[in-house]
């Protein structure tokens, strides 16, 4: 630590509870972007162009790729881990999202897919 007498400056002392409070506020503000982005928001931005807003896969791209409806028994029967792996690694012509989405975001998308049951 620099000796404040040598540099002609004053040392600022902040009470410990205030430091803890400021750190907590900074963490809350930095994580608010990821918290604000729900599984539905991510799905809408990343998945709906092919899978459709409803998950039916009835977009032009979805029809061309012959996508199954995400609410179908075949898709809903898959485990959360299987769906997360598909989202992370991609499948067929679906791109991998492991470098674009965090694990928490992928888990949120999986939970949103679960809500697309007919």
PDB file of N, CA and C in Angstrom:
ATOM      1  N   UNK A   1       0.851  -1.172   0.000  1.00  0.00           N
ATOM      2  CA  UNK A   1       0.000   0.000   0.000  1.00  0.00           C
ATOM      3  C   UNK A   1       0.895   1.234   0.000  1.00  0.00           C
ATOM      4  N   UNK A   2       0.528   2.200  -0.785  1.00  0.00           N
ATOM      5  CA  UNK A   2       1.308   3.436  -0.886  1.00  0.00           C
ATOM      6  C   UNK A   2       1.131   4.259   0.382  1.00  0.00           C
ATOM      7  N   UNK A   3       2.185   4.904   0.761  1.00  0.00           N
ATOM      8  CA  UNK A   3       2.118   5.806   1.901  1.00  0.00           C
ATOM      9  C   UNK A   3       1.535   7.128   1.405  1.00  0.00           C
ATOM     10  N   UNK A   4       0.367   7.481   1.899  1.00  0.00           N
ATOM     11  CA  UNK A   4      -0.310   8.681   1.416  1.00  0.00           C
ATOM     12  C   UNK A   4       0.469   9.948   1.747  1.00  0.00           C
ATOM     13  N   UNK A   5       1.346   9.905   2.712  1.00  0.00           N
ATOM     14  CA  UNK A   5       2.135  11.090   3.057  1.00  0.00           C
ATOM     15  C   UNK A   5       3.147  11.411   1.956  1.00  0.00           C
ATOM     16  N   UNK A   6       3.617  10.378   1.263  1.00  0.00           N
ATOM     17  CA  UNK A   6       4.606  10.597   0.217  1.00  0.00           C
ATOM     18  C   UNK A   6       3.995  11.270  -1.009  1.00  0.00           C
ATOM     19  N   UNK A   7       2.753  11.022  -1.273  1.00  0.00           N
ATOM     20  CA  UNK A   7       2.114  11.519  -2.492  1.00  0.00           C
ATOM     21  C   UNK A   7       1.195  12.702  -2.243  1.00  0.00           C
ATOM     22  N   UNK A   8       1.062  13.091  -1.026  1.00  0.00           N
ATOM     23  CA  UNK A   8       0.241  14.247  -0.715  1.00  0.00           C
ATOM     24  C   UNK A   8      -1.241  14.005  -0.954  1.00  0.00           C
ATOM     25  N   UNK A   9      -1.678  12.765  -0.853  1.00  0.00           N
ATOM     26  CA  UNK A   9      -3.092  12.462  -1.039  1.00  0.00           C
ATOM     27  C   UNK A   9      -3.672  11.952   0.264  1.00  0.00           C
ATOM     28  N   UNK A  10      -4.944  11.974   0.320  1.00  0.00           N
ATOM     29  CA  UNK A  10      -5.628  11.457   1.502  1.00  0.00           C
ATOM     30  C   UNK A  10      -6.123  10.052   1.211  1.00  0.00           C
ATOM     31  N   UNK A  11      -6.079   9.237   2.183  1.00  0.00           N
ATOM     32  CA  UNK A  11      -6.575   7.877   2.050  1.00  0.00           C
ATOM     33  C   UNK A  11      -8.066   7.888   2.368  1.00  0.00           C
ATOM     34  N   UNK A  12      -8.824   7.327   1.497  1.00  0.00           N
ATOM     35  CA  UNK A  12     -10.270   7.270   1.677  1.00  0.00           C
ATOM     36  C   UNK A  12     -10.627   5.975   2.380  1.00  0.00           C
ATOM     37  N   UNK A  13     -11.277   6.101   3.507  1.00  0.00           N
ATOM     38  CA  UNK A  13     -11.692   4.917   4.250  1.00  0.00           C
ATOM     39  C   UNK A  13     -13.210   4.803   4.167  1.00  0.00           C
ATOM     40  N   UNK A  14     -13.651   3.676   3.628  1.00  0.00           N
ATOM     41  CA  UNK A  14     -15.085   3.423   3.505  1.00  0.00           C
ATOM     42  C   UNK A  14     -15.441   2.349   4.513  1.00  0.00           C
ATOM     43  N   UNK A  15     -16.471   2.579   5.309  1.00  0.00           N
ATOM     44  CA  UNK A  15     -16.876   1.570   6.291  1.00  0.00           C
ATOM     45  C   UNK A  15     -17.191   0.228   5.608  1.00  0.00           C
ATOM     46  N   UNK A  16     -16.807  -0.868   6.231  1.00  0.00           N
ATOM     47  CA  UNK A  16     -16.973  -2.197   5.658  1.00  0.00           C
ATOM     48  C   UNK A  16     -18.419  -2.497   5.220  1.00  0.00           C
ATOM     49  N   UNK A  17     -19.445  -2.201   6.006  1.00  0.00           N
ATOM     50  CA  UNK A  17     -20.808  -2.482   5.537  1.00  0.00           C
ATOM     51  C   UNK A  17     -21.148  -1.740   4.233  1.00  0.00           C
ATOM     52  N   UNK A  18     -20.612  -0.543   4.088  1.00  0.00           N
ATOM     53  CA  UNK A  18     -20.872   0.212   2.859  1.00  0.00           C
ATOM     54  C   UNK A  18     -20.209  -0.457   1.669  1.00  0.00           C
ATOM     55  N   UNK A  19     -19.013  -0.998   1.845  1.00  0.00           N
ATOM     56  CA  UNK A  19     -18.316  -1.702   0.763  1.00  0.00           C
ATOM     57  C   UNK A  19     -19.115  -2.934   0.356  1.00  0.00           C
ATOM     58  N   UNK A  20     -19.558  -3.705   1.330  1.00  0.00           N
ATOM     59  CA  UNK A  20     -20.357  -4.901   1.042  1.00  0.00           C
ATOM     60  C   UNK A  20     -21.623  -4.509   0.297  1.00  0.00           C
ATOM     61  N   UNK A  21     -22.279  -3.476   0.730  1.00  0.00           N
ATOM     62  CA  UNK A  21     -23.501  -3.016   0.076  1.00  0.00           C
ATOM     63  C   UNK A  21     -23.232  -2.614  -1.371  1.00  0.00           C
ATOM     64  N   UNK A  22     -22.160  -1.858  -1.602  1.00  0.00           N
ATOM     65  CA  UNK A  22     -21.826  -1.416  -2.962  1.00  0.00           C
ATOM     66  C   UNK A  22     -21.482  -2.597  -3.866  1.00  0.00           C
ATOM     67  N   UNK A  23     -20.787  -3.578  -3.334  1.00  0.00           N
ATOM     68  CA  UNK A  23     -20.460  -4.772  -4.121  1.00  0.00           C
ATOM     69  C   UNK A  23     -21.738  -5.520  -4.493  1.00  0.00           C
ATOM     70  N   UNK A  24     -22.638  -5.658  -3.548  1.00  0.00           N
ATOM     71  CA  UNK A  24     -23.908  -6.347  -3.837  1.00  0.00           C
ATOM     72  C   UNK A  24     -24.726  -5.601  -4.890  1.00  0.00           C
ATOM     73  N   UNK A  25     -24.758  -4.301  -4.814  1.00  0.00           N
ATOM     74  CA  UNK A  25     -25.467  -3.499  -5.819  1.00  0.00           C
ATOM     75  C   UNK A  25     -24.831  -3.685  -7.192  1.00  0.00           C
ATOM     76  N   UNK A  26     -23.510  -3.652  -7.263  1.00  0.00           N
ATOM     77  CA  UNK A  26     -22.808  -3.830  -8.537  1.00  0.00           C
ATOM     78  C   UNK A  26     -23.099  -5.203  -9.124  1.00  0.00           C
ATOM     79  N   UNK A  27     -23.095  -6.239  -8.298  1.00  0.00           N
ATOM     80  CA  UNK A  27     -23.410  -7.583  -8.784  1.00  0.00           C
ATOM     81  C   UNK A  27     -24.842  -7.674  -9.279  1.00  0.00           C
ATOM     82  N   UNK A  28     -25.754  -7.083  -8.564  1.00  0.00           N
ATOM     83  CA  UNK A  28     -27.159  -7.110  -8.983  1.00  0.00           C
ATOM     84  C   UNK A  28     -27.344  -6.402 -10.313  1.00  0.00           C
ATOM     85  N   UNK A  29     -26.697  -5.277 -10.478  1.00  0.00           N
ATOM     86  CA  UNK A  29     -26.826  -4.543 -11.737  1.00  0.00           C
ATOM     87  C   UNK A  29     -26.165  -5.273 -12.893  1.00  0.00           C
ATOM     88  N   UNK A  30     -25.042  -5.929 -12.652  1.00  0.00           N
ATOM     89  CA  UNK A  30     -24.356  -6.634 -13.738  1.00  0.00           C
ATOM     90  C   UNK A  30     -25.098  -7.885 -14.148  1.00  0.00           C
ATOM     91  N   UNK A  31     -25.838  -8.512 -13.251  1.00  0.00           N
ATOM     92  CA  UNK A  31     -26.559  -9.726 -13.605  1.00  0.00           C
ATOM     93  C   UNK A  31     -27.996  -9.446 -14.031  1.00  0.00           C
ATOM     94  N   UNK A  32     -28.424  -8.194 -14.004  1.00  0.00           N
ATOM     95  CA  UNK A  32     -29.813  -7.896 -14.347  1.00  0.00           C
ATOM     96  C   UNK A  32     -30.119  -8.183 -15.806  1.00  0.00           C
ATOM     97  N   UNK A  33     -29.122  -8.057 -16.699  1.00  0.00           N
ATOM     98  CA  UNK A  33     -29.361  -8.373 -18.102  1.00  0.00           C
ATOM     99  C   UNK A  33     -29.697  -9.836 -18.292  1.00  0.00           C
ATOM    100  N   UNK A  34     -28.981 -10.735 -17.630  1.00  0.00           N
ATOM    101  CA  UNK A  34     -29.260 -12.152 -17.794  1.00  0.00           C
ATOM    102  C   UNK A  34     -30.556 -12.534 -17.099  1.00  0.00           C
ATOM    103  N   UNK A  35     -30.880 -11.865 -15.996  1.00  0.00           N
ATOM    104  CA  UNK A  35     -32.128 -12.174 -15.319  1.00  0.00           C
ATOM    105  C   UNK A  35     -33.327 -11.674 -16.122  1.00  0.00           C
ATOM    106  N   UNK A  36     -33.171 -10.555 -16.798  1.00  0.00           N
ATOM    107  CA  UNK A  36     -34.280  -9.989 -17.556  1.00  0.00           C
ATOM    108  C   UNK A  36     -34.596 -10.818 -18.783  1.00  0.00           C
ATOM    109  N   UNK A  37     -33.620 -11.578 -19.260  1.00  0.00           N
ATOM    110  CA  UNK A  37     -33.818 -12.364 -20.462  1.00  0.00           C
ATOM    111  C   UNK A  37     -34.362 -13.733 -20.066  1.00  0.00           C
ATOM    112  N   UNK A  38     -35.645 -13.929 -20.208  1.00  0.00           N
ATOM    113  CA  UNK A  38     -36.271 -15.187 -19.828  1.00  0.00           C
ATOM    114  C   UNK A  38     -36.111 -16.215 -20.937  1.00  0.00           C
ATOM    115  N   UNK A  39     -36.499 -17.448 -20.626  1.00  0.00           N
ATOM    116  CA  UNK A  39     -36.480 -18.504 -21.636  1.00  0.00           C
ATOM    117  C   UNK A  39     -37.336 -18.139 -22.833  1.00  0.00           C
ATOM    118  N   UNK A  40     -38.461 -17.482 -22.591  1.00  0.00           N
ATOM    119  CA  UNK A  40     -39.344 -17.066 -23.686  1.00  0.00           C
ATOM    120  C   UNK A  40     -38.670 -16.020 -24.566  1.00  0.00           C
ATOM    121  N   UNK A  41     -37.955 -15.082 -23.943  1.00  0.00           N
ATOM    122  CA  UNK A  41     -37.251 -14.047 -24.710  1.00  0.00           C
ATOM    123  C   UNK A  41     -36.149 -14.653 -25.579  1.00  0.00           C
ATOM    124  N   UNK A  42     -35.405 -15.571 -24.984  1.00  0.00           N
ATOM    125  CA  UNK A  42     -34.315 -16.218 -25.721  1.00  0.00           C
ATOM    126  C   UNK A  42     -34.892 -17.050 -26.857  1.00  0.00           C
ATOM    127  N   UNK A  43     -35.943 -17.806 -26.549  1.00  0.00           N
ATOM    128  CA  UNK A  43     -36.586 -18.630 -27.576  1.00  0.00           C
ATOM    129  C   UNK A  43     -37.059 -17.754 -28.745  1.00  0.00           C
ATOM    130  N   UNK A  44     -37.703 -16.663 -28.415  1.00  0.00           N
ATOM    131  CA  UNK A  44     -38.218 -15.774 -29.453  1.00  0.00           C
ATOM    132  C   UNK A  44     -37.089 -15.263 -30.348  1.00  0.00           C
ATOM    133  N   UNK A  45     -35.967 -14.898 -29.744  1.00  0.00           N
ATOM    134  CA  UNK A  45     -34.849 -14.328 -30.505  1.00  0.00           C
ATOM    135  C   UNK A  45     -34.072 -15.383 -31.286  1.00  0.00           C
ATOM    136  N   UNK A  46     -33.832 -16.533 -30.688  1.00  0.00           N
ATOM    137  CA  UNK A  46     -32.927 -17.518 -31.284  1.00  0.00           C
ATOM    138  C   UNK A  46     -33.634 -18.680 -31.981  1.00  0.00           C
ATOM    139  N   UNK A  47     -34.798 -19.080 -31.498  1.00  0.00           N
ATOM    140  CA  UNK A  47     -35.413 -20.332 -31.944  1.00  0.00           C
ATOM    141  C   UNK A  47     -36.623 -20.155 -32.860  1.00  0.00           C
ATOM    142  N   UNK A  48     -37.398 -19.097 -32.618  1.00  0.00           N
ATOM    143  CA  UNK A  48     -38.662 -18.949 -33.354  1.00  0.00           C
ATOM    144  C   UNK A  48     -38.514 -18.763 -34.864  1.00  0.00           C
ATOM    145  N   UNK A  49     -37.398 -18.233 -35.387  1.00  0.00           N
ATOM    146  CA  UNK A  49     -37.312 -18.141 -36.847  1.00  0.00           C
ATOM    147  C   UNK A  49     -37.491 -19.498 -37.548  1.00  0.00           C
ATOM    148  N   UNK A  50     -37.049 -20.563 -36.917  1.00  0.00           N
ATOM    149  CA  UNK A  50     -37.229 -21.895 -37.501  1.00  0.00           C
ATOM    150  C   UNK A  50     -38.385 -22.654 -36.850  1.00  0.00           C
ATOM    151  N   UNK A  51     -38.436 -22.615 -35.521  1.00  0.00           N
ATOM    152  CA  UNK A  51     -39.407 -23.423 -34.788  1.00  0.00           C
ATOM    153  C   UNK A  51     -40.766 -22.752 -34.628  1.00  0.00           C
ATOM    154  N   UNK A  52     -40.899 -21.498 -35.010  1.00  0.00           N
ATOM    155  CA  UNK A  52     -42.123 -20.702 -34.904  1.00  0.00           C
ATOM    156  C   UNK A  52     -42.373 -20.287 -33.462  1.00  0.00           C
ATOM    157  N   UNK A  53     -43.116 -19.211 -33.295  1.00  0.00           N
ATOM    158  CA  UNK A  53     -43.424 -18.700 -31.957  1.00  0.00           C
ATOM    159  C   UNK A  53     -44.165 -19.745 -31.129  1.00  0.00           C
ATOM    160  N   UNK A  54     -45.001 -20.529 -31.783  1.00  0.00           N
ATOM    161  CA  UNK A  54     -45.788 -21.551 -31.092  1.00  0.00           C
ATOM    162  C   UNK A  54     -45.020 -22.844 -30.871  1.00  0.00           C
ATOM    163  N   UNK A  55     -43.855 -22.978 -31.502  1.00  0.00           N
ATOM    164  CA  UNK A  55     -43.088 -24.213 -31.408  1.00  0.00           C
ATOM    165  C   UNK A  55     -43.533 -25.275 -32.400  1.00  0.00           C
ATOM    166  N   UNK A  56     -44.475 -24.923 -33.276  1.00  0.00           N
ATOM    167  CA  UNK A  56     -45.033 -25.897 -34.217  1.00  0.00           C
ATOM    168  C   UNK A  56     -44.092 -26.210 -35.373  1.00  0.00           C
ATOM    169  N   UNK A  57     -43.079 -25.388 -35.571  1.00  0.00           N
ATOM    170  CA  UNK A  57     -42.148 -25.606 -36.675  1.00  0.00           C
ATOM    171  C   UNK A  57     -42.752 -25.312 -38.029  1.00  0.00           C
ATOM    172  N   UNK A  58     -43.804 -24.500 -38.054  1.00  0.00           N
ATOM    173  CA  UNK A  58     -44.526 -24.248 -39.302  1.00  0.00           C
ATOM    174  C   UNK A  58     -44.081 -22.979 -40.020  1.00  0.00           C
ATOM    175  N   UNK A  59     -42.845 -22.539 -39.760  1.00  0.00           N
ATOM    176  CA  UNK A  59     -42.287 -21.431 -40.541  1.00  0.00           C
ATOM    177  C   UNK A  59     -41.772 -22.000 -41.859  1.00  0.00           C
ATOM    178  N   UNK A  60     -41.416 -21.133 -42.791  1.00  0.00           N
ATOM    179  CA  UNK A  60     -40.897 -21.607 -44.070  1.00  0.00           C
ATOM    180  C   UNK A  60     -39.636 -22.462 -43.852  1.00  0.00           C
ATOM    181  N   UNK A  61     -38.739 -21.955 -42.986  1.00  0.00           N
ATOM    182  CA  UNK A  61     -37.525 -22.722 -42.686  1.00  0.00           C
ATOM    183  C   UNK A  61     -37.854 -24.042 -41.991  1.00  0.00           C
ATOM    184  N   UNK A  62     -38.751 -23.981 -41.046  1.00  0.00           N
ATOM    185  CA  UNK A  62     -39.141 -25.183 -40.311  1.00  0.00           C
ATOM    186  C   UNK A  62     -39.771 -26.236 -41.204  1.00  0.00           C
ATOM    187  N   UNK A  63     -40.610 -25.803 -42.119  1.00  0.00           N
ATOM    188  CA  UNK A  63     -41.229 -26.748 -43.054  1.00  0.00           C
ATOM    189  C   UNK A  63     -40.176 -27.366 -43.971  1.00  0.00           C
ATOM    190  N   UNK A  64     -39.249 -26.538 -44.460  1.00  0.00           N
ATOM    191  CA  UNK A  64     -38.195 -27.058 -45.341  1.00  0.00           C
ATOM    192  C   UNK A  64     -37.298 -28.065 -44.630  1.00  0.00           C
ATOM    193  N   UNK A  65     -37.079 -27.864 -43.346  1.00  0.00           N
ATOM    194  CA  UNK A  65     -36.235 -28.778 -42.582  1.00  0.00           C
ATOM    195  C   UNK A  65     -37.036 -29.917 -41.956  1.00  0.00           C
ATOM    196  N   UNK A  66     -38.362 -29.891 -42.137  1.00  0.00           N
ATOM    197  CA  UNK A  66     -39.259 -30.928 -41.606  1.00  0.00           C
ATOM    198  C   UNK A  66     -39.099 -31.088 -40.089  1.00  0.00           C
ATOM    199  N   UNK A  67     -39.175 -29.940 -39.416  1.00  0.00           N
ATOM    200  CA  UNK A  67     -39.028 -29.937 -37.960  1.00  0.00           C
ATOM    201  C   UNK A  67     -40.273 -30.488 -37.289  1.00  0.00           C
ATOM    202  N   UNK A  68     -40.056 -31.240 -36.232  1.00  0.00           N
ATOM    203  CA  UNK A  68     -41.183 -31.709 -35.412  1.00  0.00           C
ATOM    204  C   UNK A  68     -41.636 -30.566 -34.511  1.00  0.00           C
ATOM    205  N   UNK A  69     -42.886 -30.587 -34.161  1.00  0.00           N
ATOM    206  CA  UNK A  69     -43.402 -29.595 -33.221  1.00  0.00           C
ATOM    207  C   UNK A  69     -42.748 -29.832 -31.857  1.00  0.00           C
ATOM    208  N   UNK A  70     -42.318 -28.751 -31.213  1.00  0.00           N
ATOM    209  CA  UNK A  70     -41.651 -28.881 -29.919  1.00  0.00           C
ATOM    210  C   UNK A  70     -42.603 -29.353 -28.824  1.00  0.00           C
ATOM    211  N   UNK A  71     -43.899 -29.200 -29.034  1.00  0.00           N
ATOM    212  CA  UNK A  71     -44.882 -29.689 -28.074  1.00  0.00           C
ATOM    213  C   UNK A  71     -45.276 -31.129 -28.317  1.00  0.00           C
ATOM    214  N   UNK A  72     -44.740 -31.742 -29.361  1.00  0.00           N
ATOM    215  CA  UNK A  72     -45.106 -33.124 -29.704  1.00  0.00           C
ATOM    216  C   UNK A  72     -44.607 -34.094 -28.634  1.00  0.00           C
ATOM    217  N   UNK A  73     -45.287 -35.238 -28.503  1.00  0.00           N
ATOM    218  CA  UNK A  73     -44.838 -36.237 -27.520  1.00  0.00           C
ATOM    219  C   UNK A  73     -43.388 -36.685 -27.738  1.00  0.00           C
ATOM    220  N   UNK A  74     -42.949 -36.784 -28.995  1.00  0.00           N
ATOM    221  CA  UNK A  74     -41.566 -37.202 -29.267  1.00  0.00           C
ATOM    222  C   UNK A  74     -40.559 -36.247 -28.647  1.00  0.00           C
ATOM    223  N   UNK A  75     -40.806 -34.954 -28.779  1.00  0.00           N
ATOM    224  CA  UNK A  75     -39.883 -33.960 -28.230  1.00  0.00           C
ATOM    225  C   UNK A  75     -40.049 -33.874 -26.713  1.00  0.00           C
ATOM    226  N   UNK A  76     -41.268 -33.824 -26.235  1.00  0.00           N
ATOM    227  CA  UNK A  76     -41.525 -33.669 -24.799  1.00  0.00           C
ATOM    228  C   UNK A  76     -41.065 -34.891 -23.999  1.00  0.00           C
ATOM    229  N   UNK A  77     -40.957 -36.035 -24.642  1.00  0.00           N
ATOM    230  CA  UNK A  77     -40.503 -37.256 -23.985  1.00  0.00           C
ATOM    231  C   UNK A  77     -39.004 -37.203 -23.666  1.00  0.00           C
ATOM    232  N   UNK A  78     -38.269 -36.367 -24.362  1.00  0.00           N
ATOM    233  CA  UNK A  78     -36.823 -36.255 -24.129  1.00  0.00           C
ATOM    234  C   UNK A  78     -36.561 -35.602 -22.777  1.00  0.00           C
ATOM    235  N   UNK A  79     -35.465 -36.016 -22.166  1.00  0.00           N
ATOM    236  CA  UNK A  79     -35.116 -35.441 -20.858  1.00  0.00           C
ATOM    237  C   UNK A  79     -34.640 -34.003 -21.036  1.00  0.00           C
ATOM    238  N   UNK A  80     -34.614 -33.270 -19.932  1.00  0.00           N
ATOM    239  CA  UNK A  80     -34.094 -31.896 -19.960  1.00  0.00           C
ATOM    240  C   UNK A  80     -32.650 -31.885 -20.456  1.00  0.00           C
ATOM    241  N   UNK A  81     -31.875 -32.882 -20.009  1.00  0.00           N
ATOM    242  CA  UNK A  81     -30.472 -32.960 -20.422  1.00  0.00           C
ATOM    243  C   UNK A  81     -30.353 -33.219 -21.922  1.00  0.00           C
ATOM    244  N   UNK A  82     -31.196 -34.072 -22.467  1.00  0.00           N
ATOM    245  CA  UNK A  82     -31.159 -34.330 -23.914  1.00  0.00           C
ATOM    246  C   UNK A  82     -31.489 -33.067 -24.704  1.00  0.00           C
ATOM    247  N   UNK A  83     -32.507 -32.341 -24.274  1.00  0.00           N
ATOM    248  CA  UNK A  83     -32.859 -31.092 -24.957  1.00  0.00           C
ATOM    249  C   UNK A  83     -31.747 -30.065 -24.814  1.00  0.00           C
ATOM    250  N   UNK A  84     -31.158 -29.967 -23.627  1.00  0.00           N
ATOM    251  CA  UNK A  84     -30.057 -29.026 -23.416  1.00  0.00           C
ATOM    252  C   UNK A  84     -28.860 -29.385 -24.306  1.00  0.00           C
ATOM    253  N   UNK A  85     -28.599 -30.680 -24.469  1.00  0.00           N
ATOM    254  CA  UNK A  85     -27.498 -31.110 -25.339  1.00  0.00           C
ATOM    255  C   UNK A  85     -27.755 -30.726 -26.792  1.00  0.00           C
ATOM    256  N   UNK A  86     -28.984 -30.874 -27.244  1.00  0.00           N
ATOM    257  CA  UNK A  86     -29.324 -30.500 -28.624  1.00  0.00           C
ATOM    258  C   UNK A  86     -29.129 -29.003 -28.817  1.00  0.00           C
ATOM    259  N   UNK A  87     -29.600 -28.218 -27.849  1.00  0.00           N
ATOM    260  CA  UNK A  87     -29.447 -26.765 -27.946  1.00  0.00           C
ATOM    261  C   UNK A  87     -27.963 -26.402 -27.904  1.00  0.00           C
ATOM    262  N   UNK A  88     -27.217 -27.022 -27.024  1.00  0.00           N
ATOM    263  CA  UNK A  88     -25.792 -26.712 -26.868  1.00  0.00           C
ATOM    264  C   UNK A  88     -24.969 -27.113 -28.084  1.00  0.00           C
ATOM    265  N   UNK A  89     -25.179 -28.333 -28.542  1.00  0.00           N
ATOM    266  CA  UNK A  89     -24.327 -28.890 -29.602  1.00  0.00           C
ATOM    267  C   UNK A  89     -24.894 -28.733 -31.004  1.00  0.00           C
ATOM    268  N   UNK A  90     -26.204 -28.468 -31.084  1.00  0.00           N
ATOM    269  CA  UNK A  90     -26.850 -28.410 -32.391  1.00  0.00           C
ATOM    270  C   UNK A  90     -27.242 -29.805 -32.846  1.00  0.00           C
ATOM    271  N   UNK A  91     -28.020 -29.851 -33.900  1.00  0.00           N
ATOM    272  CA  UNK A  91     -28.444 -31.144 -34.438  1.00  0.00           C
ATOM    273  C   UNK A  91     -28.829 -30.935 -35.894  1.00  0.00           C
ATOM    274  N   UNK A  92     -28.329 -31.797 -36.752  1.00  0.00           N
ATOM    275  CA  UNK A  92     -28.554 -31.672 -38.188  1.00  0.00           C
ATOM    276  C   UNK A  92     -28.162 -30.268 -38.640  1.00  0.00           C
ATOM    277  N   UNK A  93     -29.121 -29.491 -39.137  1.00  0.00           N
ATOM    278  CA  UNK A  93     -28.789 -28.133 -39.596  1.00  0.00           C
ATOM    279  C   UNK A  93     -28.979 -27.070 -38.525  1.00  0.00           C
ATOM    280  N   UNK A  94     -29.388 -27.480 -37.337  1.00  0.00           N
ATOM    281  CA  UNK A  94     -29.529 -26.530 -36.228  1.00  0.00           C
ATOM    282  C   UNK A  94     -28.138 -26.192 -35.686  1.00  0.00           C
ATOM    283  N   UNK A  95     -27.825 -24.903 -35.551  1.00  0.00           N
ATOM    284  CA  UNK A  95     -26.501 -24.531 -35.040  1.00  0.00           C
ATOM    285  C   UNK A  95     -26.368 -24.805 -33.543  1.00  0.00           C
ATOM    286  N   UNK A  96     -25.141 -24.934 -33.102  1.00  0.00           N
ATOM    287  CA  UNK A  96     -24.836 -25.093 -31.678  1.00  0.00           C
ATOM    288  C   UNK A  96     -24.928 -23.724 -31.005  1.00  0.00           C
ATOM    289  N   UNK A  97     -25.466 -23.700 -29.798  1.00  0.00           N
ATOM    290  CA  UNK A  97     -25.596 -22.447 -29.049  1.00  0.00           C
ATOM    291  C   UNK A  97     -24.741 -22.428 -27.788  1.00  0.00           C
ATOM    292  N   UNK A  98     -23.845 -23.400 -27.628  1.00  0.00           N
ATOM    293  CA  UNK A  98     -23.044 -23.447 -26.406  1.00  0.00           C
ATOM    294  C   UNK A  98     -22.114 -22.258 -26.244  1.00  0.00           C
ATOM    295  N   UNK A  99     -21.764 -21.596 -27.323  1.00  0.00           N
ATOM    296  CA  UNK A  99     -20.900 -20.413 -27.219  1.00  0.00           C
ATOM    297  C   UNK A  99     -21.693 -19.109 -27.287  1.00  0.00           C
ATOM    298  N   UNK A 100     -22.990 -19.223 -27.493  1.00  0.00           N
ATOM    299  CA  UNK A 100     -23.835 -18.028 -27.597  1.00  0.00           C
ATOM    300  C   UNK A 100     -24.732 -17.859 -26.382  1.00  0.00           C
ATOM    301  N   UNK A 101     -25.012 -18.964 -25.694  1.00  0.00           N
ATOM    302  CA  UNK A 101     -25.896 -18.936 -24.535  1.00  0.00           C
ATOM    303  C   UNK A 101     -25.200 -19.592 -23.346  1.00  0.00           C
ATOM    304  N   UNK A 102     -25.479 -19.079 -22.165  1.00  0.00           N
ATOM    305  CA  UNK A 102     -24.935 -19.684 -20.943  1.00  0.00           C
ATOM    306  C   UNK A 102     -25.740 -20.936 -20.609  1.00  0.00           C
ATOM    307  N   UNK A 103     -25.229 -21.724 -19.682  1.00  0.00           N
ATOM    308  CA  UNK A 103     -25.967 -22.924 -19.234  1.00  0.00           C
ATOM    309  C   UNK A 103     -27.326 -22.540 -18.655  1.00  0.00           C
ATOM    310  N   UNK A 104     -27.344 -21.442 -17.901  1.00  0.00           N
ATOM    311  CA  UNK A 104     -28.609 -20.998 -17.308  1.00  0.00           C
ATOM    312  C   UNK A 104     -29.602 -20.580 -18.387  1.00  0.00           C
ATOM    313  N   UNK A 105     -29.117 -19.922 -19.419  1.00  0.00           N
ATOM    314  CA  UNK A 105     -29.998 -19.513 -20.513  1.00  0.00           C
ATOM    315  C   UNK A 105     -30.533 -20.736 -21.263  1.00  0.00           C
ATOM    316  N   UNK A 106     -29.683 -21.719 -21.486  1.00  0.00           N
ATOM    317  CA  UNK A 106     -30.127 -22.953 -22.156  1.00  0.00           C
ATOM    318  C   UNK A 106     -31.161 -23.663 -21.300  1.00  0.00           C
ATOM    319  N   UNK A 107     -30.932 -23.727 -19.993  1.00  0.00           N
ATOM    320  CA  UNK A 107     -31.914 -24.347 -19.082  1.00  0.00           C
ATOM    321  C   UNK A 107     -33.239 -23.593 -19.128  1.00  0.00           C
ATOM    322  N   UNK A 108     -33.184 -22.277 -19.243  1.00  0.00           N
ATOM    323  CA  UNK A 108     -34.417 -21.481 -19.334  1.00  0.00           C
ATOM    324  C   UNK A 108     -35.157 -21.775 -20.631  1.00  0.00           C
ATOM    325  N   UNK A 109     -34.425 -21.972 -21.726  1.00  0.00           N
ATOM    326  CA  UNK A 109     -35.066 -22.319 -22.997  1.00  0.00           C
ATOM    327  C   UNK A 109     -35.709 -23.698 -22.896  1.00  0.00           C
ATOM    328  N   UNK A 110     -35.025 -24.645 -22.264  1.00  0.00           N
ATOM    329  CA  UNK A 110     -35.599 -25.989 -22.077  1.00  0.00           C
ATOM    330  C   UNK A 110     -36.904 -25.883 -21.299  1.00  0.00           C
ATOM    331  N   UNK A 111     -36.918 -25.096 -20.238  1.00  0.00           N
ATOM    332  CA  UNK A 111     -38.152 -24.937 -19.460  1.00  0.00           C
ATOM    333  C   UNK A 111     -39.251 -24.281 -20.297  1.00  0.00           C
ATOM    334  N   UNK A 112     -38.875 -23.366 -21.151  1.00  0.00           N
ATOM    335  CA  UNK A 112     -39.873 -22.749 -22.026  1.00  0.00           C
ATOM    336  C   UNK A 112     -40.415 -23.783 -23.014  1.00  0.00           C
ATOM    337  N   UNK A 113     -39.548 -24.628 -23.552  1.00  0.00           N
ATOM    338  CA  UNK A 113     -39.996 -25.682 -24.466  1.00  0.00           C
ATOM    339  C   UNK A 113     -41.002 -26.589 -23.773  1.00  0.00           C
ATOM    340  N   UNK A 114     -40.773 -26.854 -22.502  1.00  0.00           N
ATOM    341  CA  UNK A 114     -41.724 -27.672 -21.724  1.00  0.00           C
ATOM    342  C   UNK A 114     -43.111 -27.043 -21.673  1.00  0.00           C
ATOM    343  N   UNK A 115     -43.171 -25.735 -21.757  1.00  0.00           N
ATOM    344  CA  UNK A 115     -44.474 -25.044 -21.696  1.00  0.00           C
ATOM    345  C   UNK A 115     -45.221 -25.077 -23.027  1.00  0.00           C
ATOM    346  N   UNK A 116     -44.601 -25.601 -24.072  1.00  0.00           N
ATOM    347  CA  UNK A 116     -45.213 -25.602 -25.397  1.00  0.00           C
ATOM    348  C   UNK A 116     -46.068 -26.841 -25.668  1.00  0.00           C
ATOM    349  N   UNK A 117     -46.376 -27.597 -24.631  1.00  0.00           N
ATOM    350  CA  UNK A 117     -47.240 -28.768 -24.791  1.00  0.00           C
ATOM    351  C   UNK A 117     -48.597 -28.319 -25.294  1.00  0.00           C
ATOM    352  N   UNK A 118     -49.179 -29.112 -26.200  1.00  0.00           N
ATOM    353  CA  UNK A 118     -50.512 -28.730 -26.718  1.00  0.00           C
ATOM    354  C   UNK A 118     -51.609 -28.788 -25.670  1.00  0.00           C
TER     355      UNK A 118
END
